[in-house]
PDB file of N, CA and C in Angstrom:
ATOM      1  N   MET A   1      28.466 171.730-193.152  1.00  0.00           N
ATOM      2  CA  MET A   1      29.379 172.387-192.239  1.00  0.00           C
ATOM      3  C   MET A   1      30.807 172.096-192.681  1.00  0.00           C
ATOM      4  N   ALA A   2      31.649 173.086-192.702  1.00  0.00           N
ATOM      5  CA  ALA A   2      33.048 172.928-193.117  1.00  0.00           C
ATOM      6  C   ALA A   2      33.875 172.317-192.000  1.00  0.00           C
ATOM      7  N   LYS A   3      34.864 171.522-192.407  1.00  0.00           N
ATOM      8  CA  LYS A   3      35.781 170.940-191.427  1.00  0.00           C
ATOM      9  C   LYS A   3      36.697 172.020-190.882  1.00  0.00           C
ATOM     10  N   GLU A   4      37.031 171.909-189.587  1.00  0.00           N
ATOM     11  CA  GLU A   4      37.987 172.844-189.013  1.00  0.00           C
ATOM     12  C   GLU A   4      39.380 172.467-189.477  1.00  0.00           C
ATOM     13  N   LYS A   5      40.190 173.467-189.750  1.00  0.00           N
ATOM     14  CA  LYS A   5      41.550 173.229-190.193  1.00  0.00           C
ATOM     15  C   LYS A   5      42.420 172.948-188.979  1.00  0.00           C
ATOM     16  N   ALA A   6      43.266 171.926-189.059  1.00  0.00           N
ATOM     17  CA  ALA A   6      44.169 171.578-187.954  1.00  0.00           C
ATOM     18  C   ALA A   6      45.270 172.633-187.854  1.00  0.00           C
ATOM     19  N   PRO A   7      45.690 172.941-186.637  1.00  0.00           N
ATOM     20  CA  PRO A   7      46.785 173.900-186.472  1.00  0.00           C
ATOM     21  C   PRO A   7      48.074 173.387-187.112  1.00  0.00           C
ATOM     22  N   ALA A   8      48.955 174.284-187.494  1.00  0.00           N
ATOM     23  CA  ALA A   8      50.242 173.894-188.085  1.00  0.00           C
ATOM     24  C   ALA A   8      50.997 173.011-187.102  1.00  0.00           C
ATOM     25  N   GLY A   9      51.585 171.934-187.592  1.00  0.00           N
ATOM     26  CA  GLY A   9      52.330 171.015-186.740  1.00  0.00           C
ATOM     27  C   GLY A   9      51.475 169.951-186.085  1.00  0.00           C
ATOM     28  N   ALA A  10      50.172 170.002-186.336  1.00  0.00           N
ATOM     29  CA  ALA A  10      49.270 169.018-185.744  1.00  0.00           C
ATOM     30  C   ALA A  10      49.239 167.756-186.602  1.00  0.00           C
ATOM     31  N   VAL A  11      49.108 166.621-185.945  1.00  0.00           N
ATOM     32  CA  VAL A  11      49.019 165.343-186.643  1.00  0.00           C
ATOM     33  C   VAL A  11      47.876 164.524-186.052  1.00  0.00           C
ATOM     34  N   LYS A  12      47.334 163.638-186.876  1.00  0.00           N
ATOM     35  CA  LYS A  12      46.326 162.690-186.391  1.00  0.00           C
ATOM     36  C   LYS A  12      47.054 161.511-185.771  1.00  0.00           C
ATOM     37  N   ALA A  13      46.494 160.986-184.685  1.00  0.00           N
ATOM     38  CA  ALA A  13      47.100 159.838-184.028  1.00  0.00           C
ATOM     39  C   ALA A  13      46.011 158.944-183.440  1.00  0.00           C
ATOM     40  N   ARG A  14      46.296 157.659-183.414  1.00  0.00           N
ATOM     41  CA  ARG A  14      45.411 156.679-182.782  1.00  0.00           C
ATOM     42  C   ARG A  14      45.796 156.572-181.315  1.00  0.00           C
ATOM     43  N   VAL A  15      44.807 156.619-180.436  1.00  0.00           N
ATOM     44  CA  VAL A  15      45.050 156.452-179.009  1.00  0.00           C
ATOM     45  C   VAL A  15      45.161 154.953-178.728  1.00  0.00           C
ATOM     46  N   LEU A  16      46.279 154.542-178.147  1.00  0.00           N
ATOM     47  CA  LEU A  16      46.514 153.125-177.862  1.00  0.00           C
ATOM     48  C   LEU A  16      46.091 152.730-176.452  1.00  0.00           C
ATOM     49  N   ARG A  17      46.136 153.683-175.528  1.00  0.00           N
ATOM     50  CA  ARG A  17      45.774 153.434-174.131  1.00  0.00           C
ATOM     51  C   ARG A  17      44.916 154.589-173.655  1.00  0.00           C
ATOM     52  N   GLU A  18      43.882 154.281-172.885  1.00  0.00           N
ATOM     53  CA  GLU A  18      43.036 155.351-172.364  1.00  0.00           C
ATOM     54  C   GLU A  18      43.882 156.311-171.535  1.00  0.00           C
ATOM     55  N   CYS A  19      43.725 157.594-171.823  1.00  0.00           N
ATOM     56  CA  CYS A  19      44.526 158.618-171.144  1.00  0.00           C
ATOM     57  C   CYS A  19      43.789 159.956-171.224  1.00  0.00           C
ATOM     58  N   ASP A  20      44.465 161.013-170.848  1.00  0.00           N
ATOM     59  CA  ASP A  20      43.863 162.355-170.901  1.00  0.00           C
ATOM     60  C   ASP A  20      43.538 162.793-172.327  1.00  0.00           C
ATOM     61  N   TYR A  21      44.137 162.150-173.315  1.00  0.00           N
ATOM     62  CA  TYR A  21      43.960 162.554-174.712  1.00  0.00           C
ATOM     63  C   TYR A  21      42.828 161.815-175.407  1.00  0.00           C
ATOM     64  N   GLY A  22      42.311 160.752-174.813  1.00  0.00           N
ATOM     65  CA  GLY A  22      41.202 160.028-175.416  1.00  0.00           C
ATOM     66  C   GLY A  22      41.132 158.589-174.946  1.00  0.00           C
ATOM     67  N   LYS A  23      40.160 157.882-175.504  1.00  0.00           N
ATOM     68  CA  LYS A  23      39.960 156.470-175.188  1.00  0.00           C
ATOM     69  C   LYS A  23      40.625 155.618-176.253  1.00  0.00           C
ATOM     70  N   CYS A  24      40.887 154.386-175.918  1.00  0.00           N
ATOM     71  CA  CYS A  24      41.540 153.453-176.825  1.00  0.00           C
ATOM     72  C   CYS A  24      40.822 153.405-178.176  1.00  0.00           C
ATOM     73  N   ASP A  25      41.595 153.475-179.248  1.00  0.00           N
ATOM     74  CA  ASP A  25      41.151 153.401-180.635  1.00  0.00           C
ATOM     75  C   ASP A  25      40.422 154.649-181.135  1.00  0.00           C
ATOM     76  N   GLU A  26      40.450 155.738-180.382  1.00  0.00           N
ATOM     77  CA  GLU A  26      39.957 157.008-180.902  1.00  0.00           C
ATOM     78  C   GLU A  26      41.063 157.641-181.742  1.00  0.00           C
ATOM     79  N   VAL A  27      40.676 158.511-182.664  1.00  0.00           N
ATOM     80  CA  VAL A  27      41.641 159.275-183.447  1.00  0.00           C
ATOM     81  C   VAL A  27      41.586 160.713-182.943  1.00  0.00           C
ATOM     82  N   VAL A  28      42.741 161.237-182.580  1.00  0.00           N
ATOM     83  CA  VAL A  28      42.839 162.598-182.062  1.00  0.00           C
ATOM     84  C   VAL A  28      43.818 163.392-182.923  1.00  0.00           C
ATOM     85  N   THR A  29      43.692 164.704-182.895  1.00  0.00           N
ATOM     86  CA  THR A  29      44.619 165.580-183.597  1.00  0.00           C
ATOM     87  C   THR A  29      45.356 166.401-182.542  1.00  0.00           C
ATOM     88  N   LEU A  30      46.664 166.202-182.483  1.00  0.00           N
ATOM     89  CA  LEU A  30      47.497 166.849-181.471  1.00  0.00           C
ATOM     90  C   LEU A  30      48.790 167.354-182.099  1.00  0.00           C
ATOM     91  N   ASP A  31      49.530 168.130-181.349  1.00  0.00           N
ATOM     92  CA  ASP A  31      50.834 168.622-181.783  1.00  0.00           C
ATOM     93  C   ASP A  31      51.770 167.444-182.050  1.00  0.00           C
ATOM     94  N   GLY A  32      52.487 167.499-183.154  1.00  0.00           N
ATOM     95  CA  GLY A  32      53.377 166.410-183.546  1.00  0.00           C
ATOM     96  C   GLY A  32      54.439 166.086-182.514  1.00  0.00           C
ATOM     97  N   GLU A  33      54.998 167.097-181.861  1.00  0.00           N
ATOM     98  CA  GLU A  33      56.019 166.861-180.836  1.00  0.00           C
ATOM     99  C   GLU A  33      55.430 166.139-179.633  1.00  0.00           C
ATOM    100  N   LEU A  34      54.194 166.486-179.265  1.00  0.00           N
ATOM    101  CA  LEU A  34      53.529 165.811-178.151  1.00  0.00           C
ATOM    102  C   LEU A  34      53.301 164.348-178.497  1.00  0.00           C
ATOM    103  N   VAL A  35      52.811 164.093-179.705  1.00  0.00           N
ATOM    104  CA  VAL A  35      52.563 162.718-180.134  1.00  0.00           C
ATOM    105  C   VAL A  35      53.859 161.907-180.086  1.00  0.00           C
ATOM    106  N   ALA A  36      54.951 162.482-180.574  1.00  0.00           N
ATOM    107  CA  ALA A  36      56.242 161.783-180.579  1.00  0.00           C
ATOM    108  C   ALA A  36      56.718 161.468-179.164  1.00  0.00           C
ATOM    109  N   SER A  37      56.384 162.329-178.214  1.00  0.00           N
ATOM    110  CA  SER A  37      56.833 162.109-176.835  1.00  0.00           C
ATOM    111  C   SER A  37      55.991 161.067-176.105  1.00  0.00           C
ATOM    112  N   LEU A  38      54.865 160.692-176.686  1.00  0.00           N
ATOM    113  CA  LEU A  38      53.965 159.733-176.024  1.00  0.00           C
ATOM    114  C   LEU A  38      53.965 158.385-176.750  1.00  0.00           C
ATOM    115  N   HIS A  39      55.150 157.920-177.115  1.00  0.00           N
ATOM    116  CA  HIS A  39      55.302 156.619-177.767  1.00  0.00           C
ATOM    117  C   HIS A  39      54.717 155.532-176.856  1.00  0.00           C
ATOM    118  N   GLY A  40      53.899 154.668-177.413  1.00  0.00           N
ATOM    119  CA  GLY A  40      53.254 153.620-176.636  1.00  0.00           C
ATOM    120  C   GLY A  40      51.885 154.022-176.129  1.00  0.00           C
ATOM    121  N   VAL A  41      51.575 155.303-176.214  1.00  0.00           N
ATOM    122  CA  VAL A  41      50.260 155.807-175.814  1.00  0.00           C
ATOM    123  C   VAL A  41      49.487 156.268-177.049  1.00  0.00           C
ATOM    124  N   LEU A  42      50.213 156.901-177.996  1.00  0.00           N
ATOM    125  CA  LEU A  42      49.635 157.382-179.243  1.00  0.00           C
ATOM    126  C   LEU A  42      50.437 156.829-180.416  1.00  0.00           C
ATOM    127  N   ASP A  43      49.754 156.561-181.531  1.00  0.00           N
ATOM    128  CA  ASP A  43      50.422 156.051-182.727  1.00  0.00           C
ATOM    129  C   ASP A  43      49.992 156.897-183.920  1.00  0.00           C
ATOM    130  N   ALA A  44      50.942 157.591-184.533  1.00  0.00           N
ATOM    131  CA  ALA A  44      50.638 158.469-185.668  1.00  0.00           C
ATOM    132  C   ALA A  44      50.896 157.811-187.018  1.00  0.00           C
ATOM    133  N   GLU A  45      51.254 156.547-187.025  1.00  0.00           N
ATOM    134  CA  GLU A  45      51.468 155.856-188.307  1.00  0.00           C
ATOM    135  C   GLU A  45      50.160 155.868-189.099  1.00  0.00           C
ATOM    136  N   PRO A  46      50.222 156.188-190.383  1.00  0.00           N
ATOM    137  CA  PRO A  46      49.000 156.268-191.192  1.00  0.00           C
ATOM    138  C   PRO A  46      48.130 155.005-191.125  1.00  0.00           C
ATOM    139  N   ALA A  47      48.735 153.837-191.106  1.00  0.00           N
ATOM    140  CA  ALA A  47      47.965 152.592-191.044  1.00  0.00           C
ATOM    141  C   ALA A  47      47.204 152.481-189.722  1.00  0.00           C
ATOM    142  N   ALA A  48      47.809 152.925-188.636  1.00  0.00           N
ATOM    143  CA  ALA A  48      47.154 152.872-187.324  1.00  0.00           C
ATOM    144  C   ALA A  48      45.968 153.829-187.274  1.00  0.00           C
ATOM    145  N   VAL A  49      46.158 155.020-187.824  1.00  0.00           N
ATOM    146  CA  VAL A  49      45.078 156.012-187.855  1.00  0.00           C
ATOM    147  C   VAL A  49      43.936 155.509-188.730  1.00  0.00           C
ATOM    148  N   GLU A  50      44.278 154.969-189.884  1.00  0.00           N
ATOM    149  CA  GLU A  50      43.261 154.435-190.802  1.00  0.00           C
ATOM    150  C   GLU A  50      42.470 153.302-190.139  1.00  0.00           C
ATOM    151  N   TYR A  51      43.152 152.427-189.433  1.00  0.00           N
ATOM    152  CA  TYR A  51      42.479 151.322-188.745  1.00  0.00           C
ATOM    153  C   TYR A  51      41.502 151.854-187.699  1.00  0.00           C
ATOM    154  N   ALA A  52      41.949 152.798-186.874  1.00  0.00           N
ATOM    155  CA  ALA A  52      41.073 153.350-185.834  1.00  0.00           C
ATOM    156  C   ALA A  52      39.866 154.055-186.449  1.00  0.00           C
ATOM    157  N   GLU A  53      40.083 154.759-187.555  1.00  0.00           N
ATOM    158  CA  GLU A  53      38.967 155.423-188.228  1.00  0.00           C
ATOM    159  C   GLU A  53      37.981 154.399-188.780  1.00  0.00           C
ATOM    160  N   SER A  54      38.466 153.241-189.220  1.00  0.00           N
ATOM    161  CA  SER A  54      37.573 152.209-189.753  1.00  0.00           C
ATOM    162  C   SER A  54      36.705 151.606-188.651  1.00  0.00           C
ATOM    163  N   LEU A  55      37.190 151.613-187.422  1.00  0.00           N
ATOM    164  CA  LEU A  55      36.416 151.077-186.304  1.00  0.00           C
ATOM    165  C   LEU A  55      35.229 151.965-185.962  1.00  0.00           C
ATOM    166  N   ALA A  56      35.350 153.250-186.228  1.00  0.00           N
ATOM    167  CA  ALA A  56      34.299 154.203-185.892  1.00  0.00           C
ATOM    168  C   ALA A  56      33.118 154.131-186.855  1.00  0.00           C
ATOM    169  N   LYS A  57      33.298 153.462-187.982  1.00  0.00           N
ATOM    170  CA  LYS A  57      32.226 153.381-188.994  1.00  0.00           C
ATOM    171  C   LYS A  57      31.220 152.332-188.647  1.00  0.00           C
TER     172      LYS A  57
END
């Protein structure tokens, strides 16, 4: 099965706190402006995303 392509402007982010966007340490793909506005709730730093993805393995 092919991966779905993310919409333009979308970024991967690690969920830091359980919220409407996901549970703690999940990786979600959301609009970049939304992620930037939710500082402290989502973290789009590549290292944070990589860490959360490693937890799912």
